[in-house]
Amino acid sequence: MPDINLCQICGEAAPPVDGHSGEIIGYRLLRDQWSDSPSFLDGNLHFSCLERSEEREAFHAEFVHLVQAGHEEISGLEKSHPPLTRMGLSMFPVFSGDECDIFQSGKADRWMLVSKTGPWFGFGLAQLRAIGSDEIPVSASEVTRYRLPVDLGDEVGTYGLSDLLEALGVAHRYADTTELARVEYRFVDYYAPKNLIDYVALAPLPFPEEARTFLAAHAKTYTPVTFDEEDA
Protein backbone atom coordinates (compact mmCIF):
# COMPACT_ATOMS: atom_id res chain seq x y z
CA MET A 1 0.00 0.00 0.00
CA PRO A 2 1.43 3.43 -0.94
CA ASP A 3 2.61 5.71 1.86
CA ILE A 4 0.04 8.51 2.09
CA ASN A 5 2.73 10.92 3.33
CA LEU A 6 4.63 10.70 0.05
CA CYS A 7 3.70 12.36 -3.22
CA GLN A 8 1.48 9.88 -5.01
CA ILE A 9 3.05 10.86 -8.33
CA CYS A 10 6.82 10.86 -7.70
CA GLY A 11 6.97 8.85 -4.46
CA GLU A 12 9.04 11.43 -2.56
CA ALA A 13 8.32 13.21 0.73
CA ALA A 14 5.54 15.79 0.42
CA PRO A 15 4.99 17.91 3.55
CA PRO A 16 1.79 19.93 2.95
CA VAL A 17 2.32 23.64 2.28
CA ASP A 18 -0.64 25.55 0.85
CA GLY A 19 0.00 26.58 -2.73
CA HIS A 20 2.85 24.07 -3.13
CA SER A 21 1.44 20.68 -2.12
CA GLY A 22 -1.85 19.27 -0.95
CA GLU A 23 -3.62 16.22 0.43
CA ILE A 24 -6.43 14.11 -0.98
CA ILE A 25 -8.12 12.03 1.72
CA GLY A 26 -9.14 8.53 0.72
CA TYR A 27 -12.77 8.79 1.81
CA ARG A 28 -13.35 11.37 -0.94
CA LEU A 29 -13.22 8.42 -3.38
CA LEU A 30 -11.30 10.31 -6.05
CA ARG A 31 -9.88 7.87 -8.56
CA ASP A 32 -6.10 7.51 -8.48
CA GLN A 33 -4.87 8.43 -11.95
CA TRP A 34 -1.30 7.34 -11.11
CA SER A 35 -1.91 3.86 -9.72
CA ASP A 36 -1.08 0.76 -11.75
CA SER A 37 -4.32 -0.85 -10.58
CA PRO A 38 -7.82 0.58 -9.96
CA SER A 39 -7.79 2.43 -6.64
CA PHE A 40 -8.81 5.65 -4.95
CA LEU A 41 -6.33 8.42 -4.31
CA ASP A 42 -5.22 8.69 -0.70
CA GLY A 43 -2.21 10.84 0.04
CA ASN A 44 -0.25 13.96 -0.81
CA LEU A 45 0.67 15.54 -4.12
CA HIS A 46 3.43 17.97 -5.07
CA PHE A 47 1.78 20.59 -7.23
CA SER A 48 4.90 20.77 -9.39
CA CYS A 49 4.49 17.05 -10.12
CA LEU A 50 0.78 17.49 -10.80
CA GLU A 51 1.35 20.31 -13.28
CA ARG A 52 3.83 18.21 -15.26
CA SER A 53 1.77 15.03 -15.17
CA GLU A 54 0.11 13.64 -18.29
CA GLU A 55 -2.81 12.66 -16.05
CA ARG A 56 -3.49 16.17 -14.78
CA GLU A 57 -6.48 16.80 -17.06
CA ALA A 58 -8.23 13.63 -15.91
CA PHE A 59 -7.49 14.52 -12.28
CA HIS A 60 -8.65 18.12 -12.77
CA ALA A 61 -11.95 17.06 -14.35
CA GLU A 62 -12.85 14.68 -11.52
CA PHE A 63 -11.62 17.05 -8.80
CA VAL A 64 -13.73 19.93 -10.12
CA HIS A 65 -16.72 17.58 -10.24
CA LEU A 66 -16.09 16.50 -6.64
CA VAL A 67 -15.89 20.11 -5.45
CA GLN A 68 -19.39 20.79 -6.82
CA ALA A 69 -21.06 17.45 -6.10
CA GLY A 70 -23.09 16.57 -3.04
CA HIS A 71 -23.72 12.99 -1.98
CA GLU A 72 -23.69 10.90 -5.13
CA GLU A 73 -23.47 7.29 -6.17
CA ILE A 74 -20.41 6.26 -8.14
CA SER A 75 -19.40 2.94 -9.63
CA GLY A 76 -16.97 0.70 -7.79
CA LEU A 77 -13.38 0.18 -8.86
CA GLU A 78 -14.31 -3.02 -10.68
CA LYS A 79 -17.48 -3.82 -12.62
CA SER A 80 -18.26 -6.59 -10.15
CA HIS A 81 -18.04 -4.21 -7.17
CA PRO A 82 -21.22 -2.61 -5.77
CA PRO A 83 -21.72 1.15 -6.22
CA LEU A 84 -20.34 3.52 -3.59
CA THR A 85 -21.63 6.75 -2.10
CA ARG A 86 -19.24 9.67 -2.47
CA MET A 87 -19.49 12.85 -0.42
CA GLY A 88 -18.57 15.93 -2.43
CA LEU A 89 -17.97 19.46 -1.15
CA SER A 90 -21.30 20.88 -2.41
CA MET A 91 -19.75 24.15 -3.60
CA PHE A 92 -21.02 26.24 -6.49
CA PRO A 93 -19.02 28.14 -9.12
CA VAL A 94 -18.68 31.91 -8.71
CA PHE A 95 -15.82 32.62 -11.13
CA SER A 96 -14.24 31.01 -14.18
CA GLY A 97 -11.23 32.58 -15.85
CA ASP A 98 -8.37 31.67 -18.14
CA GLU A 99 -6.17 30.43 -15.29
CA CYS A 100 -8.50 29.20 -12.58
CA ASP A 101 -12.01 28.55 -11.28
CA ILE A 102 -13.35 29.60 -7.89
CA PHE A 103 -16.09 27.77 -6.00
CA GLN A 104 -18.00 28.92 -2.92
CA SER A 105 -19.69 27.06 -0.10
CA GLY A 106 -23.34 27.81 0.55
CA LYS A 107 -23.04 26.80 4.21
CA ALA A 108 -19.84 28.47 5.41
CA ASP A 109 -17.42 31.27 4.56
CA ARG A 110 -15.27 28.96 2.49
CA TRP A 111 -14.01 29.02 -1.08
CA MET A 112 -11.86 26.77 -3.25
CA LEU A 113 -9.56 27.96 -6.02
CA VAL A 114 -8.71 25.31 -8.60
CA SER A 115 -6.05 26.08 -11.17
CA LYS A 116 -6.60 24.97 -14.76
CA THR A 117 -3.26 23.13 -14.43
CA GLY A 118 -4.45 21.08 -11.44
CA PRO A 119 -3.31 22.65 -8.14
CA TRP A 120 -5.88 23.87 -5.65
CA PHE A 121 -6.23 25.52 -2.27
CA GLY A 122 -9.08 26.48 0.02
CA PHE A 123 -9.46 29.83 1.72
CA GLY A 124 -11.81 31.63 4.06
CA LEU A 125 -13.14 35.01 5.09
CA ALA A 126 -9.78 36.27 6.39
CA GLN A 127 -8.15 35.72 3.00
CA LEU A 128 -11.11 37.26 1.15
CA ARG A 129 -10.94 40.37 3.34
CA ALA A 130 -7.17 40.60 2.84
CA ILE A 131 -7.66 40.71 -0.93
CA GLY A 132 -10.46 43.25 -0.49
CA SER A 133 -8.01 45.44 1.45
CA ASP A 134 -5.32 44.99 -1.24
CA GLU A 135 -3.17 42.93 1.13
CA ILE A 136 -1.33 39.68 0.50
CA PRO A 137 -3.52 36.76 1.66
CA VAL A 138 -1.76 34.00 3.56
CA SER A 139 -2.92 30.52 4.49
CA ALA A 140 -4.62 29.81 7.81
CA SER A 141 -2.44 29.40 10.91
CA GLU A 142 -3.29 25.75 11.49
CA VAL A 143 -0.88 23.17 12.85
CA THR A 144 0.04 20.50 10.30
CA ARG A 145 1.13 17.05 11.46
CA TYR A 146 3.31 15.12 9.03
CA ARG A 147 5.11 11.80 9.29
CA LEU A 148 8.63 12.14 7.95
CA PRO A 149 9.95 9.21 5.88
CA VAL A 150 13.19 9.29 7.91
CA ASP A 151 14.25 10.41 11.37
CA LEU A 152 15.94 13.79 11.03
CA GLY A 153 17.01 13.88 14.67
CA ASP A 154 16.65 16.63 17.24
CA GLU A 155 18.08 19.20 14.83
CA VAL A 156 14.77 19.20 12.97
CA GLY A 157 13.55 21.68 15.58
CA THR A 158 16.11 24.23 14.39
CA TYR A 159 15.26 23.94 10.70
CA GLY A 160 13.49 26.52 8.62
CA LEU A 161 11.20 25.35 5.83
CA SER A 162 13.96 25.35 3.20
CA ASP A 163 16.22 23.39 5.56
CA LEU A 164 13.50 20.82 6.17
CA LEU A 165 12.81 20.33 2.47
CA GLU A 166 16.53 20.13 1.69
CA ALA A 167 17.01 17.51 4.40
CA LEU A 168 14.20 15.48 2.83
CA GLY A 169 15.68 15.93 -0.64
CA VAL A 170 12.56 17.56 -2.09
CA ALA A 171 13.30 21.29 -2.14
CA HIS A 172 13.27 21.16 -5.95
CA ARG A 173 9.65 19.94 -5.81
CA TYR A 174 8.50 23.15 -4.12
CA ALA A 175 9.73 26.64 -5.00
CA ASP A 176 12.98 28.54 -5.19
CA THR A 177 14.66 29.72 -2.00
CA THR A 178 13.39 33.29 -2.39
CA GLU A 179 9.76 32.21 -2.63
CA LEU A 180 10.08 29.72 0.22
CA ALA A 181 11.56 32.48 2.38
CA ARG A 182 8.19 34.25 2.14
CA VAL A 183 6.54 31.34 3.96
CA GLU A 184 6.37 32.00 7.69
CA TYR A 185 7.37 28.59 9.03
CA ARG A 186 7.23 27.68 12.72
CA PHE A 187 8.30 24.40 14.24
CA VAL A 188 5.89 23.15 16.92
CA ASP A 189 6.91 19.65 18.02
CA TYR A 190 8.64 16.45 16.95
CA TYR A 191 7.89 12.93 18.17
CA ALA A 192 10.96 10.92 17.18
CA PRO A 193 9.59 7.37 17.78
CA LYS A 194 7.02 7.93 15.02
CA ASN A 195 8.93 10.57 12.99
CA LEU A 196 5.98 12.93 13.50
CA ILE A 197 6.60 16.63 13.04
CA ASP A 198 4.09 19.37 13.88
CA TYR A 199 4.55 22.74 12.20
CA VAL A 200 2.77 25.86 11.01
CA ALA A 201 3.45 27.20 7.51
CA LEU A 202 1.82 30.55 6.74
CA ALA A 203 2.21 30.69 2.98
CA PRO A 204 1.32 33.60 0.70
CA LEU A 205 -1.45 32.14 -1.45
CA PRO A 206 -0.78 32.25 -5.22
CA PHE A 207 -3.95 33.93 -6.46
CA PRO A 208 -3.75 34.72 -10.19
CA GLU A 209 -4.42 38.37 -11.00
CA GLU A 210 -7.78 37.50 -12.55
CA ALA A 211 -8.82 35.85 -9.29
CA ARG A 212 -7.65 38.81 -7.19
CA THR A 213 -9.63 41.20 -9.37
CA PHE A 214 -12.81 39.16 -9.00
CA LEU A 215 -12.38 38.55 -5.26
CA ALA A 216 -11.62 42.21 -4.53
CA ALA A 217 -15.04 43.09 -5.96
CA HIS A 218 -16.66 40.04 -4.36
CA ALA A 219 -15.37 41.08 -0.92
CA LYS A 220 -17.25 44.39 -1.15
CA THR A 221 -20.64 42.73 -1.60
CA TYR A 222 -20.22 39.42 0.23
CA THR A 223 -22.33 38.87 3.36
CA PRO A 224 -20.77 36.40 5.83
CA VAL A 225 -22.75 33.30 6.68
CA THR A 226 -24.69 33.55 9.94
CA PHE A 227 -26.41 30.84 11.93
CA ASP A 228 -29.62 31.03 13.92
CA GLU A 229 -29.25 30.27 17.62
CA GLU A 230 -31.26 27.08 17.21
CA ASP A 231 -28.74 25.89 14.61
CA ALA A 232 -25.70 26.69 16.73
C-alpha atoms as a PDB file:
ATOM      1  CA  MET A   1       0.000   0.000   0.000  1.00  0.00           C
ATOM      2  CA  PRO A   2       1.427   3.433  -0.944  1.00  0.00           C
ATOM      3  CA  ASP A   3       2.613   5.710   1.855  1.00  0.00           C
ATOM      4  CA  ILE A   4       0.040   8.508   2.088  1.00  0.00           C
ATOM      5  CA  ASN A   5       2.730  10.920   3.330  1.00  0.00           C
ATOM      6  CA  LEU A   6       4.629  10.700   0.054  1.00  0.00           C
ATOM      7  CA  CYS A   7       3.699  12.357  -3.216  1.00  0.00           C
ATOM      8  CA  GLN A   8       1.477   9.875  -5.009  1.00  0.00           C
ATOM      9  CA  ILE A   9       3.046  10.859  -8.334  1.00  0.00           C
ATOM     10  CA  CYS A  10       6.817  10.856  -7.701  1.00  0.00           C
ATOM     11  CA  GLY A  11       6.972   8.850  -4.459  1.00  0.00           C
ATOM     12  CA  GLU A  12       9.043  11.429  -2.557  1.00  0.00           C
ATOM     13  CA  ALA A  13       8.320  13.207   0.732  1.00  0.00           C
ATOM     14  CA  ALA A  14       5.542  15.793   0.419  1.00  0.00           C
ATOM     15  CA  PRO A  15       4.988  17.912   3.552  1.00  0.00           C
ATOM     16  CA  PRO A  16       1.791  19.928   2.949  1.00  0.00           C
ATOM     17  CA  VAL A  17       2.318  23.640   2.279  1.00  0.00           C
ATOM     18  CA  ASP A  18      -0.641  25.551   0.851  1.00  0.00           C
ATOM     19  CA  GLY A  19      -0.005  26.580  -2.730  1.00  0.00           C
ATOM     20  CA  HIS A  20       2.845  24.072  -3.129  1.00  0.00           C
ATOM     21  CA  SER A  21       1.438  20.683  -2.124  1.00  0.00           C
ATOM     22  CA  GLY A  22      -1.853  19.268  -0.953  1.00  0.00           C
ATOM     23  CA  GLU A  23      -3.616  16.217   0.425  1.00  0.00           C
ATOM     24  CA  ILE A  24      -6.426  14.109  -0.982  1.00  0.00           C
ATOM     25  CA  ILE A  25      -8.117  12.029   1.719  1.00  0.00           C
ATOM     26  CA  GLY A  26      -9.141   8.529   0.717  1.00  0.00           C
ATOM     27  CA  TYR A  27     -12.770   8.788   1.807  1.00  0.00           C
ATOM     28  CA  ARG A  28     -13.353  11.367  -0.938  1.00  0.00           C
ATOM     29  CA  LEU A  29     -13.221   8.422  -3.383  1.00  0.00           C
ATOM     30  CA  LEU A  30     -11.304  10.312  -6.048  1.00  0.00           C
ATOM     31  CA  ARG A  31      -9.876   7.868  -8.559  1.00  0.00           C
ATOM     32  CA  ASP A  32      -6.100   7.509  -8.477  1.00  0.00           C
ATOM     33  CA  GLN A  33      -4.868   8.428 -11.947  1.00  0.00           C
ATOM     34  CA  TRP A  34      -1.303   7.340 -11.111  1.00  0.00           C
ATOM     35  CA  SER A  35      -1.906   3.862  -9.723  1.00  0.00           C
ATOM     36  CA  ASP A  36      -1.077   0.761 -11.753  1.00  0.00           C
ATOM     37  CA  SER A  37      -4.318  -0.851 -10.576  1.00  0.00           C
ATOM     38  CA  PRO A  38      -7.817   0.578  -9.956  1.00  0.00           C
ATOM     39  CA  SER A  39      -7.791   2.435  -6.638  1.00  0.00           C
ATOM     40  CA  PHE A  40      -8.814   5.651  -4.945  1.00  0.00           C
ATOM     41  CA  LEU A  41      -6.330   8.423  -4.315  1.00  0.00           C
ATOM     42  CA  ASP A  42      -5.222   8.687  -0.701  1.00  0.00           C
ATOM     43  CA  GLY A  43      -2.208  10.842   0.042  1.00  0.00           C
ATOM     44  CA  ASN A  44      -0.250  13.958  -0.813  1.00  0.00           C
ATOM     45  CA  LEU A  45       0.668  15.542  -4.122  1.00  0.00           C
ATOM     46  CA  HIS A  46       3.434  17.971  -5.067  1.00  0.00           C
ATOM     47  CA  PHE A  47       1.775  20.585  -7.227  1.00  0.00           C
ATOM     48  CA  SER A  48       4.899  20.773  -9.388  1.00  0.00           C
ATOM     49  CA  CYS A  49       4.490  17.053 -10.120  1.00  0.00           C
ATOM     50  CA  LEU A  50       0.783  17.486 -10.803  1.00  0.00           C
ATOM     51  CA  GLU A  51       1.351  20.312 -13.280  1.00  0.00           C
ATOM     52  CA  ARG A  52       3.835  18.207 -15.260  1.00  0.00           C
ATOM     53  CA  SER A  53       1.773  15.030 -15.172  1.00  0.00           C
ATOM     54  CA  GLU A  54       0.115  13.639 -18.288  1.00  0.00           C
ATOM     55  CA  GLU A  55      -2.807  12.661 -16.048  1.00  0.00           C
ATOM     56  CA  ARG A  56      -3.492  16.169 -14.777  1.00  0.00           C
ATOM     57  CA  GLU A  57      -6.480  16.796 -17.063  1.00  0.00           C
ATOM     58  CA  ALA A  58      -8.235  13.630 -15.908  1.00  0.00           C
ATOM     59  CA  PHE A  59      -7.485  14.524 -12.283  1.00  0.00           C
ATOM     60  CA  HIS A  60      -8.649  18.118 -12.772  1.00  0.00           C
ATOM     61  CA  ALA A  61     -11.953  17.064 -14.347  1.00  0.00           C
ATOM     62  CA  GLU A  62     -12.847  14.680 -11.522  1.00  0.00           C
ATOM     63  CA  PHE A  63     -11.617  17.046  -8.796  1.00  0.00           C
ATOM     64  CA  VAL A  64     -13.733  19.928 -10.118  1.00  0.00           C
ATOM     65  CA  HIS A  65     -16.724  17.581 -10.244  1.00  0.00           C
ATOM     66  CA  LEU A  66     -16.085  16.498  -6.641  1.00  0.00           C
ATOM     67  CA  VAL A  67     -15.894  20.105  -5.446  1.00  0.00           C
ATOM     68  CA  GLN A  68     -19.387  20.790  -6.815  1.00  0.00           C
ATOM     69  CA  ALA A  69     -21.064  17.445  -6.104  1.00  0.00           C
ATOM     70  CA  GLY A  70     -23.095  16.575  -3.039  1.00  0.00           C
ATOM     71  CA  HIS A  71     -23.721  12.994  -1.984  1.00  0.00           C
ATOM     72  CA  GLU A  72     -23.687  10.902  -5.131  1.00  0.00           C
ATOM     73  CA  GLU A  73     -23.473   7.291  -6.167  1.00  0.00           C
ATOM     74  CA  ILE A  74     -20.409   6.261  -8.143  1.00  0.00           C
ATOM     75  CA  SER A  75     -19.401   2.943  -9.634  1.00  0.00           C
ATOM     76  CA  GLY A  76     -16.969   0.696  -7.788  1.00  0.00           C
ATOM     77  CA  LEU A  77     -13.384   0.184  -8.860  1.00  0.00           C
ATOM     78  CA  GLU A  78     -14.311  -3.020 -10.680  1.00  0.00           C
ATOM     79  CA  LYS A  79     -17.484  -3.822 -12.617  1.00  0.00           C
ATOM     80  CA  SER A  80     -18.256  -6.590 -10.146  1.00  0.00           C
ATOM     81  CA  HIS A  81     -18.041  -4.213  -7.172  1.00  0.00           C
ATOM     82  CA  PRO A  82     -21.219  -2.611  -5.765  1.00  0.00           C
ATOM     83  CA  PRO A  83     -21.718   1.149  -6.217  1.00  0.00           C
ATOM     84  CA  LEU A  84     -20.336   3.521  -3.592  1.00  0.00           C
ATOM     85  CA  THR A  85     -21.627   6.754  -2.098  1.00  0.00           C
ATOM     86  CA  ARG A  86     -19.242   9.671  -2.469  1.00  0.00           C
ATOM     87  CA  MET A  87     -19.487  12.854  -0.418  1.00  0.00           C
ATOM     88  CA  GLY A  88     -18.573  15.934  -2.432  1.00  0.00           C
ATOM     89  CA  LEU A  89     -17.972  19.457  -1.149  1.00  0.00           C
ATOM     90  CA  SER A  90     -21.296  20.881  -2.411  1.00  0.00           C
ATOM     91  CA  MET A  91     -19.754  24.148  -3.598  1.00  0.00           C
ATOM     92  CA  PHE A  92     -21.022  26.237  -6.490  1.00  0.00           C
ATOM     93  CA  PRO A  93     -19.015  28.142  -9.118  1.00  0.00           C
ATOM     94  CA  VAL A  94     -18.680  31.906  -8.713  1.00  0.00           C
ATOM     95  CA  PHE A  95     -15.823  32.617 -11.129  1.00  0.00           C
ATOM     96  CA  SER A  96     -14.244  31.014 -14.178  1.00  0.00           C
ATOM     97  CA  GLY A  97     -11.226  32.580 -15.845  1.00  0.00           C
ATOM     98  CA  ASP A  98      -8.372  31.667 -18.144  1.00  0.00           C
ATOM     99  CA  GLU A  99      -6.169  30.428 -15.295  1.00  0.00           C
ATOM    100  CA  CYS A 100      -8.503  29.197 -12.585  1.00  0.00           C
ATOM    101  CA  ASP A 101     -12.008  28.554 -11.283  1.00  0.00           C
ATOM    102  CA  ILE A 102     -13.355  29.600  -7.890  1.00  0.00           C
ATOM    103  CA  PHE A 103     -16.087  27.775  -5.998  1.00  0.00           C
ATOM    104  CA  GLN A 104     -18.001  28.918  -2.925  1.00  0.00           C
ATOM    105  CA  SER A 105     -19.690  27.055  -0.100  1.00  0.00           C
ATOM    106  CA  GLY A 106     -23.336  27.810   0.547  1.00  0.00           C
ATOM    107  CA  LYS A 107     -23.040  26.800   4.205  1.00  0.00           C
ATOM    108  CA  ALA A 108     -19.841  28.470   5.412  1.00  0.00           C
ATOM    109  CA  ASP A 109     -17.424  31.268   4.563  1.00  0.00           C
ATOM    110  CA  ARG A 110     -15.266  28.956   2.493  1.00  0.00           C
ATOM    111  CA  TRP A 111     -14.008  29.015  -1.076  1.00  0.00           C
ATOM    112  CA  MET A 112     -11.861  26.774  -3.251  1.00  0.00           C
ATOM    113  CA  LEU A 113      -9.562  27.958  -6.024  1.00  0.00           C
ATOM    114  CA  VAL A 114      -8.711  25.313  -8.603  1.00  0.00           C
ATOM    115  CA  SER A 115      -6.046  26.079 -11.174  1.00  0.00           C
ATOM    116  CA  LYS A 116      -6.605  24.967 -14.757  1.00  0.00           C
ATOM    117  CA  THR A 117      -3.264  23.133 -14.435  1.00  0.00           C
ATOM    118  CA  GLY A 118      -4.447  21.081 -11.445  1.00  0.00           C
ATOM    119  CA  PRO A 119      -3.305  22.652  -8.136  1.00  0.00           C
ATOM    120  CA  TRP A 120      -5.883  23.875  -5.653  1.00  0.00           C
ATOM    121  CA  PHE A 121      -6.230  25.525  -2.267  1.00  0.00           C
ATOM    122  CA  GLY A 122      -9.076  26.480   0.019  1.00  0.00           C
ATOM    123  CA  PHE A 123      -9.464  29.831   1.722  1.00  0.00           C
ATOM    124  CA  GLY A 124     -11.806  31.632   4.056  1.00  0.00           C
ATOM    125  CA  LEU A 125     -13.139  35.012   5.089  1.00  0.00           C
ATOM    126  CA  ALA A 126      -9.784  36.268   6.391  1.00  0.00           C
ATOM    127  CA  GLN A 127      -8.151  35.718   2.999  1.00  0.00           C
ATOM    128  CA  LEU A 128     -11.107  37.264   1.150  1.00  0.00           C
ATOM    129  CA  ARG A 129     -10.936  40.367   3.335  1.00  0.00           C
ATOM    130  CA  ALA A 130      -7.172  40.600   2.840  1.00  0.00           C
ATOM    131  CA  ILE A 131      -7.663  40.715  -0.928  1.00  0.00           C
ATOM    132  CA  GLY A 132     -10.464  43.252  -0.488  1.00  0.00           C
ATOM    133  CA  SER A 133      -8.010  45.440   1.449  1.00  0.00           C
ATOM    134  CA  ASP A 134      -5.316  44.995  -1.238  1.00  0.00           C
ATOM    135  CA  GLU A 135      -3.175  42.933   1.134  1.00  0.00           C
ATOM    136  CA  ILE A 136      -1.334  39.677   0.500  1.00  0.00           C
ATOM    137  CA  PRO A 137      -3.524  36.761   1.658  1.00  0.00           C
ATOM    138  CA  VAL A 138      -1.757  33.997   3.560  1.00  0.00           C
ATOM    139  CA  SER A 139      -2.923  30.517   4.495  1.00  0.00           C
ATOM    140  CA  ALA A 140      -4.624  29.813   7.814  1.00  0.00           C
ATOM    141  CA  SER A 141      -2.440  29.395  10.910  1.00  0.00           C
ATOM    142  CA  GLU A 142      -3.290  25.747  11.487  1.00  0.00           C
ATOM    143  CA  VAL A 143      -0.876  23.167  12.853  1.00  0.00           C
ATOM    144  CA  THR A 144       0.045  20.500  10.303  1.00  0.00           C
ATOM    145  CA  ARG A 145       1.126  17.050  11.464  1.00  0.00           C
ATOM    146  CA  TYR A 146       3.306  15.121   9.029  1.00  0.00           C
ATOM    147  CA  ARG A 147       5.110  11.803   9.289  1.00  0.00           C
ATOM    148  CA  LEU A 148       8.635  12.137   7.953  1.00  0.00           C
ATOM    149  CA  PRO A 149       9.951   9.210   5.881  1.00  0.00           C
ATOM    150  CA  VAL A 150      13.193   9.291   7.911  1.00  0.00           C
ATOM    151  CA  ASP A 151      14.247  10.410  11.375  1.00  0.00           C
ATOM    152  CA  LEU A 152      15.942  13.794  11.034  1.00  0.00           C
ATOM    153  CA  GLY A 153      17.012  13.881  14.675  1.00  0.00           C
ATOM    154  CA  ASP A 154      16.655  16.628  17.244  1.00  0.00           C
ATOM    155  CA  GLU A 155      18.081  19.201  14.828  1.00  0.00           C
ATOM    156  CA  VAL A 156      14.767  19.203  12.971  1.00  0.00           C
ATOM    157  CA  GLY A 157      13.547  21.683  15.584  1.00  0.00           C
ATOM    158  CA  THR A 158      16.109  24.231  14.389  1.00  0.00           C
ATOM    159  CA  TYR A 159      15.263  23.937  10.697  1.00  0.00           C
ATOM    160  CA  GLY A 160      13.492  26.516   8.625  1.00  0.00           C
ATOM    161  CA  LEU A 161      11.205  25.351   5.832  1.00  0.00           C
ATOM    162  CA  SER A 162      13.958  25.349   3.196  1.00  0.00           C
ATOM    163  CA  ASP A 163      16.225  23.394   5.562  1.00  0.00           C
ATOM    164  CA  LEU A 164      13.498  20.817   6.165  1.00  0.00           C
ATOM    165  CA  LEU A 165      12.807  20.332   2.471  1.00  0.00           C
ATOM    166  CA  GLU A 166      16.526  20.134   1.692  1.00  0.00           C
ATOM    167  CA  ALA A 167      17.009  17.507   4.400  1.00  0.00           C
ATOM    168  CA  LEU A 168      14.200  15.479   2.829  1.00  0.00           C
ATOM    169  CA  GLY A 169      15.681  15.935  -0.644  1.00  0.00           C
ATOM    170  CA  VAL A 170      12.560  17.556  -2.086  1.00  0.00           C
ATOM    171  CA  ALA A 171      13.297  21.294  -2.137  1.00  0.00           C
ATOM    172  CA  HIS A 172      13.267  21.161  -5.951  1.00  0.00           C
ATOM    173  CA  ARG A 173       9.653  19.940  -5.806  1.00  0.00           C
ATOM    174  CA  TYR A 174       8.499  23.146  -4.121  1.00  0.00           C
ATOM    175  CA  ALA A 175       9.733  26.638  -5.002  1.00  0.00           C
ATOM    176  CA  ASP A 176      12.985  28.542  -5.188  1.00  0.00           C
ATOM    177  CA  THR A 177      14.662  29.724  -1.997  1.00  0.00           C
ATOM    178  CA  THR A 178      13.395  33.292  -2.387  1.00  0.00           C
ATOM    179  CA  GLU A 179       9.765  32.214  -2.628  1.00  0.00           C
ATOM    180  CA  LEU A 180      10.078  29.718   0.223  1.00  0.00           C
ATOM    181  CA  ALA A 181      11.563  32.477   2.375  1.00  0.00           C
ATOM    182  CA  ARG A 182       8.192  34.248   2.141  1.00  0.00           C
ATOM    183  CA  VAL A 183       6.542  31.336   3.956  1.00  0.00           C
ATOM    184  CA  GLU A 184       6.374  31.997   7.692  1.00  0.00           C
ATOM    185  CA  TYR A 185       7.372  28.593   9.028  1.00  0.00           C
ATOM    186  CA  ARG A 186       7.234  27.684  12.718  1.00  0.00           C
ATOM    187  CA  PHE A 187       8.303  24.395  14.244  1.00  0.00           C
ATOM    188  CA  VAL A 188       5.887  23.154  16.922  1.00  0.00           C
ATOM    189  CA  ASP A 189       6.905  19.654  18.015  1.00  0.00           C
ATOM    190  CA  TYR A 190       8.644  16.449  16.955  1.00  0.00           C
ATOM    191  CA  TYR A 191       7.890  12.929  18.174  1.00  0.00           C
ATOM    192  CA  ALA A 192      10.957  10.919  17.182  1.00  0.00           C
ATOM    193  CA  PRO A 193       9.594   7.372  17.783  1.00  0.00           C
ATOM    194  CA  LYS A 194       7.022   7.932  15.017  1.00  0.00           C
ATOM    195  CA  ASN A 195       8.934  10.574  12.993  1.00  0.00           C
ATOM    196  CA  LEU A 196       5.978  12.930  13.497  1.00  0.00           C
ATOM    197  CA  ILE A 197       6.602  16.633  13.039  1.00  0.00           C
ATOM    198  CA  ASP A 198       4.094  19.369  13.881  1.00  0.00           C
ATOM    199  CA  TYR A 199       4.551  22.737  12.196  1.00  0.00           C
ATOM    200  CA  VAL A 200       2.774  25.857  11.012  1.00  0.00           C
ATOM    201  CA  ALA A 201       3.447  27.204   7.510  1.00  0.00           C
ATOM    202  CA  LEU A 202       1.819  30.550   6.740  1.00  0.00           C
ATOM    203  CA  ALA A 203       2.213  30.686   2.980  1.00  0.00           C
ATOM    204  CA  PRO A 204       1.319  33.604   0.696  1.00  0.00           C
ATOM    205  CA  LEU A 205      -1.445  32.141  -1.454  1.00  0.00           C
ATOM    206  CA  PRO A 206      -0.782  32.247  -5.219  1.00  0.00           C
ATOM    207  CA  PHE A 207      -3.953  33.926  -6.461  1.00  0.00           C
ATOM    208  CA  PRO A 208      -3.748  34.721 -10.188  1.00  0.00           C
ATOM    209  CA  GLU A 209      -4.415  38.371 -10.995  1.00  0.00           C
ATOM    210  CA  GLU A 210      -7.775  37.497 -12.552  1.00  0.00           C
ATOM    211  CA  ALA A 211      -8.825  35.852  -9.286  1.00  0.00           C
ATOM    212  CA  ARG A 212      -7.649  38.806  -7.185  1.00  0.00           C
ATOM    213  CA  THR A 213      -9.626  41.201  -9.373  1.00  0.00           C
ATOM    214  CA  PHE A 214     -12.805  39.161  -8.998  1.00  0.00           C
ATOM    215  CA  LEU A 215     -12.382  38.552  -5.261  1.00  0.00           C
ATOM    216  CA  ALA A 216     -11.620  42.212  -4.533  1.00  0.00           C
ATOM    217  CA  ALA A 217     -15.038  43.089  -5.963  1.00  0.00           C
ATOM    218  CA  HIS A 218     -16.659  40.037  -4.359  1.00  0.00           C
ATOM    219  CA  ALA A 219     -15.369  41.077  -0.923  1.00  0.00           C
ATOM    220  CA  LYS A 220     -17.246  44.386  -1.155  1.00  0.00           C
ATOM    221  CA  THR A 221     -20.640  42.734  -1.597  1.00  0.00           C
ATOM    222  CA  TYR A 222     -20.222  39.422   0.234  1.00  0.00           C
ATOM    223  CA  THR A 223     -22.326  38.875   3.359  1.00  0.00           C
ATOM    224  CA  PRO A 224     -20.767  36.398   5.829  1.00  0.00           C
ATOM    225  CA  VAL A 225     -22.751  33.300   6.677  1.00  0.00           C
ATOM    226  CA  THR A 226     -24.685  33.550   9.942  1.00  0.00           C
ATOM    227  CA  PHE A 227     -26.414  30.841  11.935  1.00  0.00           C
ATOM    228  CA  ASP A 228     -29.621  31.032  13.921  1.00  0.00           C
ATOM    229  CA  GLU A 229     -29.248  30.269  17.618  1.00  0.00           C
ATOM    230  CA  GLU A 230     -31.262  27.082  17.210  1.00  0.00           C
ATOM    231  CA  ASP A 231     -28.743  25.891  14.610  1.00  0.00           C
ATOM    232  CA  ALA A 232     -25.700  26.692  16.732  1.00  0.00           C
END
